[in-house]
């Protein structure tokens, strides 16, 4: 592969990473909406809502880190001659 082609592949991978981040944000928003709806329906207390929000944010941070790590590994793999 030429260097130009490798850079194109890295760009495609970075676009996929951004799509994954967008999907994760949408999932996070849906989960938070569901939790707030449950609180409004008295299925969750205020403390439970805060705990759920914190847990969701923690999971999202963990997944973001995994995505970033996978991207860096793939980028290194593609750019290595």
PDB file of N, CA and C in Angstrom:
ATOM      1  N   UNK A   1       0.841  -1.187   0.000  1.00  0.00           N
ATOM      2  CA  UNK A   1       0.000   0.000   0.000  1.00  0.00           C
ATOM      3  C   UNK A   1       0.885   1.249   0.000  1.00  0.00           C
ATOM      4  N   UNK A   2       0.390   2.244  -0.690  1.00  0.00           N
ATOM      5  CA  UNK A   2       1.126   3.500  -0.693  1.00  0.00           C
ATOM      6  C   UNK A   2       0.816   4.265   0.593  1.00  0.00           C
ATOM      7  N   UNK A   3       1.647   5.231   0.875  1.00  0.00           N
ATOM      8  CA  UNK A   3       1.436   6.038   2.078  1.00  0.00           C
ATOM      9  C   UNK A   3       0.124   6.809   1.982  1.00  0.00           C
ATOM     10  N   UNK A   4      -0.185   7.276   0.781  1.00  0.00           N
ATOM     11  CA  UNK A   4      -1.439   8.017   0.578  1.00  0.00           C
ATOM     12  C   UNK A   4      -2.642   7.131   0.892  1.00  0.00           C
ATOM     13  N   UNK A   5      -2.611   5.889   0.447  1.00  0.00           N
ATOM     14  CA  UNK A   5      -3.703   4.955   0.700  1.00  0.00           C
ATOM     15  C   UNK A   5      -3.830   4.661   2.201  1.00  0.00           C
ATOM     16  N   UNK A   6      -2.697   4.528   2.880  1.00  0.00           N
ATOM     17  CA  UNK A   6      -2.736   4.291   4.327  1.00  0.00           C
ATOM     18  C   UNK A   6      -3.391   5.464   5.050  1.00  0.00           C
ATOM     19  N   UNK A   7      -3.083   6.679   4.622  1.00  0.00           N
ATOM     20  CA  UNK A   7      -3.688   7.861   5.241  1.00  0.00           C
ATOM     21  C   UNK A   7      -5.190   7.925   4.950  1.00  0.00           C
ATOM     22  N   UNK A   8      -5.601   7.489   3.779  1.00  0.00           N
ATOM     23  CA  UNK A   8      -7.022   7.436   3.458  1.00  0.00           C
ATOM     24  C   UNK A   8      -7.737   6.441   4.370  1.00  0.00           C
ATOM     25  N   UNK A   9      -7.101   5.307   4.604  1.00  0.00           N
ATOM     26  CA  UNK A   9      -7.694   4.301   5.495  1.00  0.00           C
ATOM     27  C   UNK A   9      -7.808   4.821   6.921  1.00  0.00           C
ATOM     28  N   UNK A  10      -6.788   5.532   7.380  1.00  0.00           N
ATOM     29  CA  UNK A  10      -6.839   6.111   8.725  1.00  0.00           C
ATOM     30  C   UNK A  10      -7.979   7.120   8.806  1.00  0.00           C
ATOM     31  N   UNK A  11      -8.172   7.899   7.754  1.00  0.00           N
ATOM     32  CA  UNK A  11      -9.259   8.870   7.726  1.00  0.00           C
ATOM     33  C   UNK A  11     -10.609   8.161   7.791  1.00  0.00           C
ATOM     34  N   UNK A  12     -10.751   7.051   7.058  1.00  0.00           N
ATOM     35  CA  UNK A  12     -11.992   6.282   7.098  1.00  0.00           C
ATOM     36  C   UNK A  12     -12.240   5.713   8.497  1.00  0.00           C
ATOM     37  N   UNK A  13     -11.183   5.239   9.120  1.00  0.00           N
ATOM     38  CA  UNK A  13     -11.312   4.696  10.474  1.00  0.00           C
ATOM     39  C   UNK A  13     -11.739   5.798  11.438  1.00  0.00           C
ATOM     40  N   UNK A  14     -11.161   6.981  11.286  1.00  0.00           N
ATOM     41  CA  UNK A  14     -11.523   8.080  12.185  1.00  0.00           C
ATOM     42  C   UNK A  14     -12.978   8.499  11.978  1.00  0.00           C
ATOM     43  N   UNK A  15     -13.474   8.400  10.749  1.00  0.00           N
ATOM     44  CA  UNK A  15     -14.891   8.693  10.491  1.00  0.00           C
ATOM     45  C   UNK A  15     -15.781   7.672  11.182  1.00  0.00           C
ATOM     46  N   UNK A  16     -15.383   6.410  11.154  1.00  0.00           N
ATOM     47  CA  UNK A  16     -16.144   5.360  11.842  1.00  0.00           C
ATOM     48  C   UNK A  16     -16.120   5.578  13.353  1.00  0.00           C
ATOM     49  N   UNK A  17     -14.984   6.020  13.860  1.00  0.00           N
ATOM     50  CA  UNK A  17     -14.875   6.313  15.291  1.00  0.00           C
ATOM     51  C   UNK A  17     -15.844   7.434  15.655  1.00  0.00           C
ATOM     52  N   UNK A  18     -15.912   8.459  14.841  1.00  0.00           N
ATOM     53  CA  UNK A  18     -16.837   9.570  15.112  1.00  0.00           C
ATOM     54  C   UNK A  18     -18.287   9.087  15.065  1.00  0.00           C
ATOM     55  N   UNK A  19     -18.612   8.205  14.110  1.00  0.00           N
ATOM     56  CA  UNK A  19     -19.961   7.632  14.051  1.00  0.00           C
ATOM     57  C   UNK A  19     -20.272   6.860  15.332  1.00  0.00           C
ATOM     58  N   UNK A  20     -19.291   6.132  15.844  1.00  0.00           N
ATOM     59  CA  UNK A  20     -19.482   5.382  17.086  1.00  0.00           C
ATOM     60  C   UNK A  20     -19.720   6.327  18.260  1.00  0.00           C
ATOM     61  N   UNK A  21     -18.976   7.438  18.294  1.00  0.00           N
ATOM     62  CA  UNK A  21     -19.167   8.421  19.371  1.00  0.00           C
ATOM     63  C   UNK A  21     -20.559   9.037  19.305  1.00  0.00           C
ATOM     64  N   UNK A  22     -21.022   9.340  18.114  1.00  0.00           N
ATOM     65  CA  UNK A  22     -22.360   9.908  17.947  1.00  0.00           C
ATOM     66  C   UNK A  22     -23.406   8.904  18.416  1.00  0.00           C
ATOM     67  N   UNK A  23     -23.234   7.647  18.026  1.00  0.00           N
ATOM     68  CA  UNK A  23     -24.173   6.603  18.456  1.00  0.00           C
ATOM     69  C   UNK A  23     -24.179   6.481  19.978  1.00  0.00           C
ATOM     70  N   UNK A  24     -23.012   6.561  20.590  1.00  0.00           N
ATOM     71  CA  UNK A  24     -22.936   6.478  22.049  1.00  0.00           C
ATOM     72  C   UNK A  24     -23.638   7.660  22.714  1.00  0.00           C
ATOM     73  N   UNK A  25     -23.476   8.854  22.146  1.00  0.00           N
ATOM     74  CA  UNK A  25     -24.166  10.019  22.719  1.00  0.00           C
ATOM     75  C   UNK A  25     -25.672   9.836  22.637  1.00  0.00           C
ATOM     76  N   UNK A  26     -26.146   9.288  21.517  1.00  0.00           N
ATOM     77  CA  UNK A  26     -27.585   9.055  21.367  1.00  0.00           C
ATOM     78  C   UNK A  26     -28.086   8.026  22.373  1.00  0.00           C
ATOM     79  N   UNK A  27     -27.309   6.973  22.562  1.00  0.00           N
ATOM     80  CA  UNK A  27     -27.678   5.951  23.545  1.00  0.00           C
ATOM     81  C   UNK A  27     -27.709   6.551  24.943  1.00  0.00           C
ATOM     82  N   UNK A  28     -26.728   7.379  25.262  1.00  0.00           N
ATOM     83  CA  UNK A  28     -26.667   8.032  26.575  1.00  0.00           C
ATOM     84  C   UNK A  28     -27.893   8.909  26.784  1.00  0.00           C
ATOM     85  N   UNK A  29     -28.232   9.702  25.774  1.00  0.00           N
ATOM     86  CA  UNK A  29     -29.397  10.581  25.884  1.00  0.00           C
ATOM     87  C   UNK A  29     -30.672   9.769  26.092  1.00  0.00           C
ATOM     88  N   UNK A  30     -30.825   8.670  25.354  1.00  0.00           N
ATOM     89  CA  UNK A  30     -32.006   7.820  25.511  1.00  0.00           C
ATOM     90  C   UNK A  30     -32.073   7.217  26.907  1.00  0.00           C
ATOM     91  N   UNK A  31     -30.938   6.759  27.403  1.00  0.00           N
ATOM     92  CA  UNK A  31     -30.904   6.155  28.736  1.00  0.00           C
ATOM     93  C   UNK A  31     -31.252   7.187  29.804  1.00  0.00           C
ATOM     94  N   UNK A  32     -30.728   8.407  29.658  1.00  0.00           N
ATOM     95  CA  UNK A  32     -31.036   9.453  30.637  1.00  0.00           C
ATOM     96  C   UNK A  32     -32.510   9.854  30.563  1.00  0.00           C
ATOM     97  N   UNK A  33     -33.069   9.907  29.364  1.00  0.00           N
ATOM     98  CA  UNK A  33     -34.498  10.214  29.210  1.00  0.00           C
ATOM     99  C   UNK A  33     -35.345   9.144  29.889  1.00  0.00           C
ATOM    100  N   UNK A  34     -34.972   7.873  29.694  1.00  0.00           N
ATOM    101  CA  UNK A  34     -35.713   6.780  30.323  1.00  0.00           C
ATOM    102  C   UNK A  34     -35.638   6.877  31.848  1.00  0.00           C
ATOM    103  N   UNK A  35     -34.468   7.195  32.365  1.00  0.00           N
ATOM    104  CA  UNK A  35     -34.302   7.308  33.811  1.00  0.00           C
ATOM    105  C   UNK A  35     -35.144   8.466  34.352  1.00  0.00           C
ATOM    106  N   UNK A  36     -35.145   9.593  33.640  1.00  0.00           N
ATOM    107  CA  UNK A  36     -35.950  10.738  34.093  1.00  0.00           C
ATOM    108  C   UNK A  36     -37.433  10.435  34.003  1.00  0.00           C
ATOM    109  N   UNK A  37     -37.832   9.698  32.965  1.00  0.00           N
ATOM    110  CA  UNK A  37     -39.236   9.306  32.842  1.00  0.00           C
ATOM    111  C   UNK A  37     -39.633   8.404  34.007  1.00  0.00           C
ATOM    112  N   UNK A  38     -38.731   7.492  34.375  1.00  0.00           N
ATOM    113  CA  UNK A  38     -39.014   6.605  35.500  1.00  0.00           C
ATOM    114  C   UNK A  38     -39.130   7.397  36.796  1.00  0.00           C
ATOM    115  N   UNK A  39     -38.313   8.442  36.956  1.00  0.00           N
ATOM    116  CA  UNK A  39     -38.408   9.284  38.146  1.00  0.00           C
ATOM    117  C   UNK A  39     -39.737  10.020  38.162  1.00  0.00           C
ATOM    118  N   UNK A  40     -40.136  10.549  37.000  1.00  0.00           N
ATOM    119  CA  UNK A  40     -41.407  11.263  36.904  1.00  0.00           C
ATOM    120  C   UNK A  40     -42.586  10.351  37.211  1.00  0.00           C
ATOM    121  N   UNK A  41     -42.453   9.064  36.867  1.00  0.00           N
ATOM    122  CA  UNK A  41     -43.513   8.080  37.137  1.00  0.00           C
ATOM    123  C   UNK A  41     -43.392   7.477  38.536  1.00  0.00           C
ATOM    124  N   UNK A  42     -42.488   8.038  39.324  1.00  0.00           N
ATOM    125  CA  UNK A  42     -42.262   7.598  40.713  1.00  0.00           C
ATOM    126  C   UNK A  42     -41.729   6.167  40.791  1.00  0.00           C
ATOM    127  N   UNK A  43     -41.075   5.710  39.711  1.00  0.00           N
ATOM    128  CA  UNK A  43     -40.460   4.393  39.731  1.00  0.00           C
ATOM    129  C   UNK A  43     -39.042   4.469  40.282  1.00  0.00           C
ATOM    130  N   UNK A  44     -38.445   5.666  40.244  1.00  0.00           N
ATOM    131  CA  UNK A  44     -37.112   5.910  40.782  1.00  0.00           C
ATOM    132  C   UNK A  44     -37.156   7.104  41.721  1.00  0.00           C
ATOM    133  N   UNK A  45     -36.345   7.045  42.764  1.00  0.00           N
ATOM    134  CA  UNK A  45     -36.223   8.203  43.639  1.00  0.00           C
ATOM    135  C   UNK A  45     -35.170   9.143  43.069  1.00  0.00           C
ATOM    136  N   UNK A  46     -35.071  10.326  43.643  1.00  0.00           N
ATOM    137  CA  UNK A  46     -34.071  11.305  43.196  1.00  0.00           C
ATOM    138  C   UNK A  46     -32.650  10.741  43.369  1.00  0.00           C
ATOM    139  N   UNK A  47     -32.414  10.068  44.494  1.00  0.00           N
ATOM    140  CA  UNK A  47     -31.099   9.475  44.737  1.00  0.00           C
ATOM    141  C   UNK A  47     -30.781   8.388  43.715  1.00  0.00           C
ATOM    142  N   UNK A  48     -31.786   7.566  43.417  1.00  0.00           N
ATOM    143  CA  UNK A  48     -31.587   6.518  42.415  1.00  0.00           C
ATOM    144  C   UNK A  48     -31.300   7.122  41.047  1.00  0.00           C
ATOM    145  N   UNK A  49     -31.983   8.195  40.704  1.00  0.00           N
ATOM    146  CA  UNK A  49     -31.759   8.865  39.426  1.00  0.00           C
ATOM    147  C   UNK A  49     -30.318   9.352  39.329  1.00  0.00           C
ATOM    148  N   UNK A  50     -29.834   9.993  40.383  1.00  0.00           N
ATOM    149  CA  UNK A  50     -28.454  10.484  40.391  1.00  0.00           C
ATOM    150  C   UNK A  50     -27.463   9.326  40.257  1.00  0.00           C
ATOM    151  N   UNK A  51     -27.742   8.212  40.948  1.00  0.00           N
ATOM    152  CA  UNK A  51     -26.873   7.046  40.885  1.00  0.00           C
ATOM    153  C   UNK A  51     -26.861   6.465  39.472  1.00  0.00           C
ATOM    154  N   UNK A  52     -28.027   6.378  38.853  1.00  0.00           N
ATOM    155  CA  UNK A  52     -28.128   5.856  37.485  1.00  0.00           C
ATOM    156  C   UNK A  52     -27.393   6.771  36.508  1.00  0.00           C
ATOM    157  N   UNK A  53     -27.574   8.089  36.655  1.00  0.00           N
ATOM    158  CA  UNK A  53     -26.879   9.032  35.773  1.00  0.00           C
ATOM    159  C   UNK A  53     -25.372   8.894  35.909  1.00  0.00           C
ATOM    160  N   UNK A  54     -24.905   8.745  37.145  1.00  0.00           N
ATOM    161  CA  UNK A  54     -23.467   8.599  37.379  1.00  0.00           C
ATOM    162  C   UNK A  54     -22.951   7.295  36.766  1.00  0.00           C
ATOM    163  N   UNK A  55     -23.726   6.229  36.895  1.00  0.00           N
ATOM    164  CA  UNK A  55     -23.340   4.936  36.338  1.00  0.00           C
ATOM    165  C   UNK A  55     -23.305   4.985  34.807  1.00  0.00           C
ATOM    166  N   UNK A  56     -24.302   5.631  34.208  1.00  0.00           N
ATOM    167  CA  UNK A  56     -24.335   5.781  32.752  1.00  0.00           C
ATOM    168  C   UNK A  56     -23.115   6.560  32.278  1.00  0.00           C
ATOM    169  N   UNK A  57     -22.819   7.664  32.953  1.00  0.00           N
ATOM    170  CA  UNK A  57     -21.654   8.470  32.566  1.00  0.00           C
ATOM    171  C   UNK A  57     -20.356   7.682  32.713  1.00  0.00           C
ATOM    172  N   UNK A  58     -20.255   6.879  33.760  1.00  0.00           N
ATOM    173  CA  UNK A  58     -19.073   6.060  33.956  1.00  0.00           C
ATOM    174  C   UNK A  58     -18.899   5.030  32.846  1.00  0.00           C
ATOM    175  N   UNK A  59     -20.004   4.386  32.479  1.00  0.00           N
ATOM    176  CA  UNK A  59     -19.950   3.413  31.391  1.00  0.00           C
ATOM    177  C   UNK A  59     -19.581   4.070  30.069  1.00  0.00           C
ATOM    178  N   UNK A  60     -20.125   5.248  29.827  1.00  0.00           N
ATOM    179  CA  UNK A  60     -19.824   5.967  28.587  1.00  0.00           C
ATOM    180  C   UNK A  60     -18.348   6.359  28.531  1.00  0.00           C
ATOM    181  N   UNK A  61     -17.815   6.805  29.651  1.00  0.00           N
ATOM    182  CA  UNK A  61     -16.393   7.171  29.703  1.00  0.00           C
ATOM    183  C   UNK A  61     -15.516   5.954  29.433  1.00  0.00           C
ATOM    184  N   UNK A  62     -15.901   4.834  30.028  1.00  0.00           N
ATOM    185  CA  UNK A  62     -15.146   3.602  29.832  1.00  0.00           C
ATOM    186  C   UNK A  62     -15.168   3.184  28.361  1.00  0.00           C
ATOM    187  N   UNK A  63     -16.329   3.255  27.742  1.00  0.00           N
ATOM    188  CA  UNK A  63     -16.444   2.869  26.332  1.00  0.00           C
ATOM    189  C   UNK A  63     -15.693   3.847  25.425  1.00  0.00           C
ATOM    190  N   UNK A  64     -15.742   5.137  25.742  1.00  0.00           N
ATOM    191  CA  UNK A  64     -14.994   6.123  24.958  1.00  0.00           C
ATOM    192  C   UNK A  64     -13.502   5.808  24.998  1.00  0.00           C
ATOM    193  N   UNK A  65     -13.013   5.444  26.169  1.00  0.00           N
ATOM    194  CA  UNK A  65     -11.600   5.105  26.319  1.00  0.00           C
ATOM    195  C   UNK A  65     -11.253   3.874  25.481  1.00  0.00           C
ATOM    196  N   UNK A  66     -12.137   2.884  25.467  1.00  0.00           N
ATOM    197  CA  UNK A  66     -11.900   1.682  24.669  1.00  0.00           C
ATOM    198  C   UNK A  66     -11.894   2.009  23.178  1.00  0.00           C
ATOM    199  N   UNK A  67     -12.808   2.870  22.750  1.00  0.00           N
ATOM    200  CA  UNK A  67     -12.857   3.274  21.345  1.00  0.00           C
ATOM    201  C   UNK A  67     -11.575   4.000  20.966  1.00  0.00           C
ATOM    202  N   UNK A  68     -11.146   4.928  21.816  1.00  0.00           N
ATOM    203  CA  UNK A  68      -9.914   5.671  21.539  1.00  0.00           C
ATOM    204  C   UNK A  68      -8.706   4.744  21.468  1.00  0.00           C
ATOM    205  N   UNK A  69      -8.652   3.790  22.374  1.00  0.00           N
ATOM    206  CA  UNK A  69      -7.545   2.836  22.400  1.00  0.00           C
ATOM    207  C   UNK A  69      -7.538   1.980  21.131  1.00  0.00           C
ATOM    208  N   UNK A  70      -8.718   1.517  20.722  1.00  0.00           N
ATOM    209  CA  UNK A  70      -8.815   0.707  19.508  1.00  0.00           C
ATOM    210  C   UNK A  70      -8.418   1.523  18.279  1.00  0.00           C
ATOM    211  N   UNK A  71      -8.831   2.792  18.241  1.00  0.00           N
ATOM    212  CA  UNK A  71      -8.474   3.651  17.112  1.00  0.00           C
ATOM    213  C   UNK A  71      -6.961   3.843  17.031  1.00  0.00           C
ATOM    214  N   UNK A  72      -6.339   4.123  18.161  1.00  0.00           N
ATOM    215  CA  UNK A  72      -4.887   4.332  18.168  1.00  0.00           C
ATOM    216  C   UNK A  72      -4.150   3.072  17.706  1.00  0.00           C
ATOM    217  N   UNK A  73      -4.628   1.917  18.151  1.00  0.00           N
ATOM    218  CA  UNK A  73      -4.001   0.657  17.750  1.00  0.00           C
ATOM    219  C   UNK A  73      -4.168   0.425  16.251  1.00  0.00           C
ATOM    220  N   UNK A  74      -5.361   0.678  15.735  1.00  0.00           N
ATOM    221  CA  UNK A  74      -5.618   0.472  14.312  1.00  0.00           C
ATOM    222  C   UNK A  74      -4.831   1.467  13.475  1.00  0.00           C
ATOM    223  N   UNK A  75      -4.759   2.700  13.938  1.00  0.00           N
ATOM    224  CA  UNK A  75      -3.998   3.727  13.220  1.00  0.00           C
ATOM    225  C   UNK A  75      -2.524   3.316  13.126  1.00  0.00           C
ATOM    226  N   UNK A  76      -1.982   2.849  14.230  1.00  0.00           N
ATOM    227  CA  UNK A  76      -0.593   2.407  14.254  1.00  0.00           C
ATOM    228  C   UNK A  76      -0.400   1.233  13.303  1.00  0.00           C
ATOM    229  N   UNK A  77      -1.349   0.297  13.334  1.00  0.00           N
ATOM    230  CA  UNK A  77      -1.276  -0.890  12.477  1.00  0.00           C
ATOM    231  C   UNK A  77      -1.312  -0.509  10.996  1.00  0.00           C
ATOM    232  N   UNK A  78      -2.202   0.400  10.636  1.00  0.00           N
ATOM    233  CA  UNK A  78      -2.346   0.800   9.228  1.00  0.00           C
ATOM    234  C   UNK A  78      -1.135   1.585   8.752  1.00  0.00           C
ATOM    235  N   UNK A  79      -0.623   2.465   9.586  1.00  0.00           N
ATOM    236  CA  UNK A  79       0.486   3.323   9.159  1.00  0.00           C
ATOM    237  C   UNK A  79       1.841   2.613   9.182  1.00  0.00           C
ATOM    238  N   UNK A  80       1.922   1.461   9.847  1.00  0.00           N
ATOM    239  CA  UNK A  80       3.182   0.730   9.889  1.00  0.00           C
ATOM    240  C   UNK A  80       3.415   0.058   8.541  1.00  0.00           C
ATOM    241  N   UNK A  81       4.613   0.263   8.034  1.00  0.00           N
ATOM    242  CA  UNK A  81       4.961  -0.289   6.708  1.00  0.00           C
ATOM    243  C   UNK A  81       5.386  -1.729   6.833  1.00  0.00           C
TER     244      UNK A  81
END
